[in-house]
Amino acid sequence: MNSAEKYFPALNDVMSAEHTLGEILTATPLMHNRNLSDKFEAEIMLKREDLQMVRSYKIRGAYNKIRSLIKEQTAKGICCASAGNHAQGVALSCNKLQIAGKIFMPVTTPKQKINQVKMFGGEYVEVVLVGDTFDQANQAAIETCEDEGKTFIPPFNDKKIIEGQGTVGLEILQQSRVAIDYIFVPIGGGGLASGLGSVCKLMSPNTKVIGVEPAGAAGMKKSFEKGEVVELGEIDKFVDGAAVQKVGDITFDICRKVLDDIVVVPEGKVCSTILNLYNFDAIVVEPAGALSISALDYYRDEIKGKNVVCIVSGSNNDIVRMEDIKERSLLYEGLKHYFVVRFPQRAGALQNFVSNVLGPHDDITYFEYKKKTNREKGPVLIGIELQNPDDFQGLTERMRESNIDYEYLNDNPNLFEFLIG
């Protein structure tokens, strides 16, 4: 018996988890979204897990798991590791159940999430910052459990966690008045996808469940391709709620049985989705919360005229990240371009660039001399923002016509990161 067969959630167990969660939670709304429905010519509904008490679905698995512990376990306390959302779910559970918890978080975790964990946990929770990634924090938590006899609360690779997350799927099927054709679900470690996917296969087998991962941490997709769990090397931690180096072996086996496809989405596109949701729908989401909606473009033809649900998995976004989100979006959309420019050594060269090279709607948004002395004879780092991506070709043509010596940075990731990052 493999782990998928052994840990595959039974419907009764998910319904039991729903009953347990009823002690602290109410169902989140399943909401029609007019803007997305018009754009994709489909019935697009959003499952608003961002409206949870801890602003993400993670409370479901965390509370269901901790509530299942026996007294001997709760007396010694619990440990977990998380980049933020699982930590908040564990913290609130500890507070509600009056259990001591030690929560390990990467040093890179946004301050907003750290503060939320402390607030939800109150006197029952201690936060420990360690490592640069979730996986490093996770190892520290496991070692602490072994040393101190505490119970480890995993973020995704656990039967009770999966059953708790599966209640998202149960609610969707209970709330929808129409048969659902597609559900798009974000994937980090795979707990939500395996739980929700299992419920759909049991209760609504015609519903296609599409997993969505960020391009910089597409662990489940790569594991699917290789046929076994793959541990990633370097990952892009930007989509922090879904950026893990290694998915669970349990969730991997289940996801292989319940997912119909996995879509990989560039981080820049996720940023564009975040901005669009804020500007057009007044919905604030974190990067992982925007993943499922970001995947709709890749299924535009398939979902036309269909009933579609996107899981908005969380809204724990730090406002200080918005400039970075805007920058990544502009780069992805082809509206922001960086150059190292060596101007001709003659009077008025910069004025000529501004007057004759820039288009009427182009805007210099970044300008820096790269030499501290004799600056005017050194290279200049310039960022230019366009109103239309099609204007880029004209800009570079005018630079060549004016004999501007330049190097384009957007296509040179190492140099771009060194100069801009």
Protein backbone atom coordinates (compact mmCIF):
# COMPACT_ATOMS: atom_id res chain seq x y z
CA MET A 1 0.00 0.00 0.00
CA ASN A 2 1.54 3.33 -1.06
CA SER A 3 1.07 6.59 0.85
CA ALA A 4 -1.71 7.78 -1.48
CA GLU A 5 -3.82 4.72 -0.63
CA LYS A 6 -2.89 4.85 3.05
CA TYR A 7 -3.50 8.57 3.57
CA PHE A 8 -6.11 9.34 0.91
CA PRO A 9 -8.78 11.28 2.83
CA ALA A 10 -12.06 9.48 3.34
CA LEU A 11 -15.14 11.65 2.94
CA ASN A 12 -16.25 10.84 6.48
CA ASP A 13 -12.91 12.06 7.83
CA VAL A 14 -13.17 15.37 5.96
CA MET A 15 -16.73 15.79 7.22
CA SER A 16 -15.47 15.06 10.73
CA ALA A 17 -12.81 17.75 10.24
CA GLU A 18 -15.55 20.15 9.15
CA HIS A 19 -17.42 19.41 12.38
CA THR A 20 -14.26 19.98 14.43
CA LEU A 21 -13.57 23.30 12.70
CA GLY A 22 -17.11 24.38 13.47
CA GLU A 23 -15.85 24.99 17.02
CA ILE A 24 -13.97 28.10 15.83
CA LEU A 25 -14.78 28.82 12.17
CA THR A 26 -17.65 29.56 9.83
CA ALA A 27 -17.61 28.82 6.11
CA THR A 28 -15.93 31.42 3.90
CA PRO A 29 -17.99 32.81 1.01
CA LEU A 30 -17.94 31.53 -2.57
CA MET A 31 -18.35 34.77 -4.54
CA HIS A 32 -19.09 35.51 -8.19
CA ASN A 33 -16.50 37.88 -9.67
CA ARG A 34 -17.91 40.05 -12.41
CA ASN A 35 -14.63 41.43 -13.77
CA LEU A 36 -13.00 38.03 -14.20
CA SER A 37 -16.22 36.49 -15.53
CA ASP A 38 -16.50 39.17 -18.22
CA LYS A 39 -12.80 38.91 -19.10
CA PHE A 40 -12.82 35.13 -19.55
CA GLU A 41 -16.45 34.77 -20.72
CA ALA A 42 -17.05 32.25 -17.95
CA GLU A 43 -18.68 32.05 -14.54
CA ILE A 44 -15.70 32.77 -12.29
CA MET A 45 -16.21 32.31 -8.56
CA LEU A 46 -13.68 33.07 -5.85
CA LYS A 47 -13.44 30.95 -2.71
CA ARG A 48 -12.47 33.69 -0.27
CA GLU A 49 -10.10 31.97 2.16
CA ASP A 50 -8.46 35.39 2.52
CA LEU A 51 -11.44 36.24 4.74
CA GLN A 52 -10.58 33.58 7.32
CA MET A 53 -9.91 34.68 10.90
CA VAL A 54 -6.17 34.32 10.23
CA ARG A 55 -6.62 35.47 6.61
CA SER A 56 -5.71 32.12 5.06
CA TYR A 57 -7.02 28.56 4.83
CA LYS A 58 -4.14 27.22 6.93
CA ILE A 59 -6.15 27.43 10.16
CA ARG A 60 -8.21 24.48 8.92
CA GLY A 61 -5.44 21.90 8.84
CA ALA A 62 -3.63 23.31 11.87
CA TYR A 63 -6.64 23.25 14.18
CA ASN A 64 -7.81 19.85 12.95
CA LYS A 65 -4.38 18.37 13.64
CA ILE A 66 -3.82 19.98 17.05
CA ARG A 67 -7.37 19.16 18.16
CA SER A 68 -6.64 15.47 17.50
CA LEU A 69 -3.68 15.31 19.92
CA ILE A 70 -3.94 13.40 23.18
CA LYS A 71 -3.33 15.01 26.59
CA GLU A 72 0.21 13.61 26.92
CA GLN A 73 1.14 15.39 23.70
CA THR A 74 -0.50 18.72 24.45
CA ALA A 75 1.06 18.78 27.92
CA LYS A 76 4.57 18.80 26.41
CA GLY A 77 3.67 21.44 23.84
CA ILE A 78 3.96 21.59 20.07
CA CYS A 79 6.35 22.92 17.42
CA CYS A 80 5.88 23.96 13.82
CA ALA A 81 7.71 25.72 11.01
CA SER A 82 6.14 28.14 8.57
CA ALA A 83 6.76 31.12 6.31
CA GLY A 84 3.68 32.70 7.87
CA ASN A 85 0.21 31.32 7.24
CA HIS A 86 0.58 27.87 8.82
CA ALA A 87 2.25 29.64 11.74
CA GLN A 88 -0.78 31.87 12.22
CA GLY A 89 -3.12 28.90 12.11
CA VAL A 90 -1.02 27.04 14.69
CA ALA A 91 -0.74 30.17 16.86
CA LEU A 92 -4.49 30.73 16.95
CA SER A 93 -5.08 27.04 17.64
CA CYS A 94 -2.63 27.14 20.55
CA ASN A 95 -4.41 30.16 21.95
CA LYS A 96 -7.88 28.65 21.60
CA LEU A 97 -6.84 25.29 23.06
CA GLN A 98 -4.39 26.79 25.61
CA ILE A 99 -1.42 24.75 24.41
CA ALA A 100 2.19 25.99 24.49
CA GLY A 101 3.64 26.34 21.01
CA LYS A 102 7.09 27.12 19.62
CA ILE A 103 6.92 28.41 16.07
CA PHE A 104 9.97 28.52 13.79
CA MET A 105 9.91 31.03 10.91
CA PRO A 106 12.52 31.93 8.28
CA VAL A 107 14.43 35.15 8.95
CA THR A 108 13.13 36.38 5.57
CA THR A 109 9.46 36.21 6.67
CA PRO A 110 7.67 39.58 6.23
CA LYS A 111 7.36 41.41 9.56
CA GLN A 112 3.61 41.66 9.14
CA LYS A 113 3.30 37.87 9.29
CA ILE A 114 5.62 37.60 12.30
CA ASN A 115 3.59 40.20 14.18
CA GLN A 116 0.36 38.42 13.29
CA VAL A 117 1.68 35.13 14.67
CA LYS A 118 2.58 36.79 17.96
CA MET A 119 -0.81 38.49 18.12
CA PHE A 120 -2.83 35.33 17.43
CA GLY A 121 -0.75 33.17 19.76
CA GLY A 122 -0.50 35.60 22.65
CA GLU A 123 1.07 34.16 25.78
CA TYR A 124 0.90 30.60 24.45
CA VAL A 125 3.35 31.04 21.55
CA GLU A 126 7.09 31.66 21.21
CA VAL A 127 8.40 32.73 17.77
CA VAL A 128 11.91 31.66 16.74
CA LEU A 129 13.45 33.14 13.58
CA VAL A 130 15.99 30.83 11.92
CA GLY A 131 17.33 30.19 8.40
CA ASP A 132 16.59 31.87 5.07
CA THR A 133 14.03 29.35 3.79
CA PHE A 134 11.06 27.38 5.06
CA ASP A 135 13.04 24.16 4.77
CA GLN A 136 15.78 25.43 7.09
CA ALA A 137 13.22 26.56 9.66
CA ASN A 138 11.43 23.24 9.27
CA GLN A 139 14.59 21.28 10.11
CA ALA A 140 15.15 23.40 13.22
CA ALA A 141 11.59 22.73 14.38
CA ILE A 142 11.94 18.97 13.87
CA GLU A 143 15.21 18.91 15.83
CA THR A 144 13.62 20.87 18.69
CA CYS A 145 10.75 18.38 18.87
CA GLU A 146 13.25 15.52 19.10
CA ASP A 147 15.27 17.28 21.81
CA GLU A 148 12.34 18.53 23.92
CA GLY A 149 9.72 15.84 23.37
CA LYS A 150 7.26 18.21 21.69
CA THR A 151 4.82 17.20 18.97
CA PHE A 152 5.61 18.47 15.47
CA ILE A 153 2.71 20.03 13.54
CA PRO A 154 3.67 19.71 9.85
CA PRO A 155 2.41 22.33 7.38
CA PHE A 156 1.17 19.91 4.72
CA ASN A 157 2.51 16.34 4.80
CA ASP A 158 0.06 14.88 7.34
CA LYS A 159 -3.28 13.07 7.19
CA LYS A 160 -5.08 15.36 9.65
CA ILE A 161 -3.69 18.48 7.96
CA ILE A 162 -4.85 17.23 4.57
CA GLU A 163 -8.32 16.41 5.91
CA GLY A 164 -8.59 19.89 7.40
CA GLN A 165 -7.61 21.55 4.14
CA GLY A 166 -10.04 19.26 2.34
CA THR A 167 -12.92 21.08 4.03
CA VAL A 168 -12.31 23.92 1.53
CA GLY A 169 -13.43 21.58 -1.24
CA LEU A 170 -16.34 20.32 0.83
CA GLU A 171 -17.60 23.87 1.37
CA ILE A 172 -17.28 24.76 -2.32
CA LEU A 173 -19.40 21.81 -3.39
CA GLN A 174 -21.97 22.57 -0.69
CA GLN A 175 -22.15 26.27 -1.59
CA SER A 176 -22.22 26.12 -5.38
CA ARG A 177 -25.64 26.05 -7.02
CA VAL A 178 -24.15 24.81 -10.30
CA ALA A 179 -21.91 21.93 -11.30
CA ILE A 180 -18.30 23.10 -11.20
CA ASP A 181 -16.18 22.42 -14.26
CA TYR A 182 -12.79 23.66 -13.03
CA ILE A 183 -11.16 24.45 -9.70
CA PHE A 184 -7.78 26.20 -9.66
CA VAL A 185 -5.86 25.61 -6.44
CA PRO A 186 -2.45 26.97 -5.38
CA ILE A 187 0.31 24.52 -4.46
CA GLY A 188 3.08 25.03 -1.95
CA GLY A 189 3.71 21.73 -0.19
CA GLY A 190 0.50 20.23 -1.57
CA GLY A 191 -1.76 19.95 1.50
CA LEU A 192 -4.61 22.04 0.12
CA ALA A 193 -4.38 20.54 -3.37
CA SER A 194 -4.38 16.95 -2.10
CA GLY A 195 -7.23 17.54 0.38
CA LEU A 196 -9.45 19.55 -1.94
CA GLY A 197 -8.63 17.34 -4.92
CA SER A 198 -9.55 14.21 -2.99
CA VAL A 199 -12.94 15.63 -2.00
CA CYS A 200 -13.66 16.61 -5.60
CA LYS A 201 -12.79 13.18 -6.95
CA LEU A 202 -15.14 11.60 -4.41
CA MET A 203 -18.04 14.05 -4.68
CA SER A 204 -17.67 15.69 -8.09
CA PRO A 205 -15.54 13.48 -10.34
CA ASN A 206 -16.25 15.52 -13.47
CA THR A 207 -14.66 18.62 -11.92
CA LYS A 208 -11.14 19.19 -13.22
CA VAL A 209 -8.74 20.24 -10.46
CA ILE A 210 -5.81 22.33 -11.70
CA GLY A 211 -2.84 22.95 -9.41
CA VAL A 212 -0.92 26.22 -9.73
CA GLU A 213 2.71 26.82 -8.73
CA PRO A 214 5.08 29.80 -8.94
CA ALA A 215 7.77 29.39 -11.60
CA GLY A 216 10.54 29.95 -9.06
CA ALA A 217 9.41 27.10 -6.82
CA ALA A 218 7.60 24.58 -9.02
CA GLY A 219 8.41 21.54 -6.90
CA MET A 220 5.24 19.56 -7.54
CA LYS A 221 5.44 20.06 -11.30
CA LYS A 222 9.06 18.89 -11.40
CA SER A 223 8.21 15.94 -9.15
CA PHE A 224 5.37 14.96 -11.49
CA GLU A 225 7.75 15.08 -14.45
CA LYS A 226 10.35 12.88 -12.74
CA GLY A 227 7.85 10.51 -11.12
CA GLU A 228 9.22 11.03 -7.63
CA VAL A 229 9.60 13.83 -5.08
CA VAL A 230 12.31 16.24 -6.22
CA GLU A 231 14.12 18.59 -3.86
CA LEU A 232 14.74 21.92 -5.55
CA GLY A 233 18.02 23.78 -5.19
CA GLU A 234 17.69 27.55 -5.37
CA ILE A 235 14.11 28.82 -5.21
CA ASP A 236 12.53 32.23 -5.66
CA LYS A 237 11.05 33.00 -2.24
CA PHE A 238 8.86 35.86 -3.51
CA VAL A 239 5.63 33.81 -3.41
CA ASP A 240 6.48 32.98 0.19
CA GLY A 241 3.24 31.15 0.94
CA ALA A 242 3.99 28.62 -1.80
CA ALA A 243 7.79 28.59 -2.00
CA VAL A 244 9.06 25.27 -0.65
CA GLN A 245 12.05 23.30 -1.83
CA LYS A 246 10.43 19.90 -1.35
CA VAL A 247 6.78 18.89 -1.46
CA GLY A 248 5.51 16.13 0.81
CA ASP A 249 5.75 12.47 -0.18
CA ILE A 250 2.17 11.95 1.00
CA THR A 251 0.83 15.01 -0.80
CA PHE A 252 2.80 14.10 -3.93
CA ASP A 253 1.26 10.63 -4.11
CA ILE A 254 -2.25 11.99 -3.54
CA CYS A 255 -1.86 14.89 -5.97
CA ARG A 256 -0.77 12.48 -8.72
CA LYS A 257 -4.15 10.80 -8.36
CA VAL A 258 -6.39 13.85 -7.97
CA LEU A 259 -4.90 16.68 -10.04
CA ASP A 260 -5.70 16.96 -13.74
CA ASP A 261 -2.88 19.39 -14.50
CA ILE A 262 -0.35 21.75 -12.94
CA VAL A 263 0.18 25.26 -14.31
CA VAL A 264 3.41 27.12 -13.58
CA VAL A 265 3.04 30.91 -13.38
CA PRO A 266 5.85 33.52 -13.49
CA GLU A 267 6.18 35.63 -10.36
CA GLY A 268 5.76 38.79 -12.44
CA LYS A 269 2.36 37.65 -13.64
CA VAL A 270 1.35 36.95 -10.04
CA CYS A 271 2.27 40.56 -9.24
CA SER A 272 0.07 41.84 -12.07
CA THR A 273 -2.81 39.80 -10.67
CA ILE A 274 -2.29 41.28 -7.19
CA LEU A 275 -2.44 44.81 -8.59
CA ASN A 276 -5.49 44.09 -10.75
CA LEU A 277 -7.41 42.57 -7.84
CA TYR A 278 -6.60 45.61 -5.72
CA ASN A 279 -7.37 48.19 -8.41
CA PHE A 280 -10.52 46.63 -9.88
CA ASP A 281 -12.02 44.55 -7.06
CA ALA A 282 -10.61 46.16 -3.88
CA ILE A 283 -9.32 42.70 -2.88
CA VAL A 284 -5.97 42.57 -1.09
CA VAL A 285 -4.14 39.27 -1.54
CA GLU A 286 -0.68 37.95 -0.85
CA PRO A 287 1.32 36.45 -3.76
CA ALA A 288 0.23 32.88 -3.01
CA GLY A 289 -3.37 34.11 -2.84
CA ALA A 290 -3.14 35.37 -6.42
CA LEU A 291 -1.72 32.16 -7.91
CA SER A 292 -4.99 30.48 -8.87
CA ILE A 293 -6.38 33.55 -10.65
CA SER A 294 -3.06 34.07 -12.44
CA ALA A 295 -3.48 30.65 -14.09
CA LEU A 296 -6.75 31.50 -15.82
CA ASP A 297 -4.98 33.00 -18.85
CA TYR A 298 -3.36 29.62 -19.53
CA TYR A 299 -6.80 27.98 -19.66
CA ARG A 300 -8.67 30.77 -21.45
CA ASP A 301 -10.03 28.56 -24.26
CA GLU A 302 -10.92 25.61 -22.02
CA ILE A 303 -12.85 27.60 -19.42
CA LYS A 304 -14.90 29.72 -21.80
CA GLY A 305 -18.57 29.23 -20.91
CA LYS A 306 -17.68 27.05 -17.91
CA ASN A 307 -18.20 27.28 -14.15
CA VAL A 308 -14.84 27.97 -12.56
CA VAL A 309 -13.65 28.36 -8.95
CA CYS A 310 -10.35 29.96 -7.94
CA ILE A 311 -9.08 29.53 -4.39
CA VAL A 312 -7.97 32.89 -2.99
CA SER A 313 -5.82 31.25 -0.37
CA GLY A 314 -4.60 34.19 1.73
CA SER A 315 -4.27 37.95 2.20
CA ASN A 316 -1.31 38.30 4.55
CA ASN A 317 0.56 40.83 2.45
CA ASP A 318 2.94 43.40 3.91
CA ILE A 319 2.31 46.86 2.43
CA VAL A 320 6.06 47.53 2.24
CA ARG A 321 6.22 44.88 -0.51
CA MET A 322 3.95 46.84 -2.85
CA GLU A 323 6.80 48.70 -4.58
CA ASP A 324 8.52 45.39 -5.31
CA ILE A 325 5.21 43.95 -6.53
CA LYS A 326 4.67 46.90 -8.88
CA GLU A 327 8.25 46.66 -10.19
CA ARG A 328 7.97 42.93 -10.90
CA SER A 329 4.64 43.47 -12.63
CA LEU A 330 6.02 46.23 -14.89
CA LEU A 331 9.00 44.07 -15.84
CA TYR A 332 6.76 41.11 -16.65
CA GLU A 333 4.35 43.24 -18.70
CA GLY A 334 7.24 44.68 -20.73
CA LEU A 335 6.65 48.19 -19.41
CA LYS A 336 9.89 48.69 -17.45
CA HIS A 337 13.34 48.46 -19.00
CA TYR A 338 16.80 49.02 -17.60
CA PHE A 339 19.94 49.99 -19.54
CA VAL A 340 23.55 50.77 -18.80
CA VAL A 341 24.24 53.73 -21.12
CA ARG A 342 27.59 55.25 -22.09
CA PHE A 343 26.77 58.64 -23.50
CA PRO A 344 28.95 60.16 -26.23
CA GLN A 345 31.52 62.51 -24.71
CA ARG A 346 30.07 65.71 -26.06
CA ALA A 347 28.02 68.54 -24.65
CA GLY A 348 24.27 68.01 -24.72
CA ALA A 349 24.40 64.22 -25.07
CA LEU A 350 22.00 63.69 -22.17
CA GLN A 351 19.68 66.42 -23.42
CA ASN A 352 19.64 64.77 -26.83
CA PHE A 353 18.70 61.45 -25.22
CA VAL A 354 15.79 63.02 -23.38
CA SER A 355 14.57 65.08 -26.35
CA ASN A 356 15.17 62.75 -29.29
CA VAL A 357 15.49 59.20 -28.00
CA LEU A 358 12.71 58.97 -25.45
CA GLY A 359 9.23 58.60 -26.88
CA PRO A 360 6.45 61.05 -26.03
CA HIS A 361 5.02 58.72 -23.38
CA ASP A 362 8.31 57.26 -22.06
CA ASP A 363 9.39 58.17 -18.55
CA ILE A 364 12.80 57.94 -16.87
CA THR A 365 12.07 56.44 -13.45
CA TYR A 366 15.62 55.53 -12.45
CA PHE A 367 18.90 57.37 -13.13
CA GLU A 368 22.23 56.73 -11.45
CA TYR A 369 25.83 57.50 -12.36
CA LYS A 370 27.90 54.38 -11.64
CA LYS A 371 31.17 56.27 -10.94
CA LYS A 372 31.62 58.42 -7.86
CA THR A 373 34.26 60.64 -9.51
CA ASN A 374 34.24 62.13 -13.01
CA ARG A 375 30.65 60.94 -13.22
CA GLU A 376 29.82 62.50 -16.58
CA LYS A 377 32.35 60.24 -18.35
CA GLY A 378 31.19 57.06 -16.70
CA PRO A 379 28.28 54.70 -17.43
CA VAL A 380 24.76 55.61 -16.36
CA LEU A 381 22.13 53.16 -15.11
CA ILE A 382 18.74 54.20 -16.51
CA GLY A 383 15.27 52.76 -15.89
CA ILE A 384 12.60 53.68 -18.44
CA GLU A 385 8.88 53.05 -18.02
CA LEU A 386 6.66 52.74 -21.08
CA GLN A 387 2.92 53.07 -21.44
CA ASN A 388 2.77 50.32 -24.06
CA PRO A 389 5.14 47.35 -24.42
CA ASP A 390 5.09 47.83 -28.22
CA ASP A 391 6.97 51.12 -27.70
CA PHE A 392 10.14 49.24 -26.74
CA GLN A 393 11.22 48.51 -30.31
CA GLY A 394 10.99 52.18 -31.25
CA LEU A 395 13.01 53.19 -28.19
CA THR A 396 15.90 50.84 -29.01
CA GLU A 397 15.84 51.84 -32.69
CA ARG A 398 16.21 55.52 -31.77
CA MET A 399 19.07 54.64 -29.39
CA ARG A 400 20.93 52.93 -32.24
CA GLU A 401 20.20 55.76 -34.68
CA SER A 402 21.68 58.21 -32.17
CA ASN A 403 24.75 56.00 -31.75
CA ILE A 404 23.98 55.43 -28.07
CA ASP A 405 26.30 52.81 -26.57
CA TYR A 406 24.09 50.74 -24.26
CA GLU A 407 23.65 47.36 -22.65
CA TYR A 408 20.15 46.02 -22.03
CA LEU A 409 19.82 44.57 -18.53
CA ASN A 410 16.42 42.88 -18.47
CA ASP A 411 17.76 39.90 -20.44
CA ASN A 412 20.90 39.63 -18.30
CA PRO A 413 19.61 38.29 -14.95
CA ASN A 414 22.98 38.14 -13.18
CA LEU A 415 23.96 41.70 -14.08
CA PHE A 416 20.40 42.90 -13.49
CA GLU A 417 20.38 41.44 -9.99
CA PHE A 418 23.80 42.93 -9.24
CA LEU A 419 22.89 46.45 -10.38
CA ILE A 420 19.16 46.64 -9.60
CA GLY A 421 18.36 43.96 -7.00
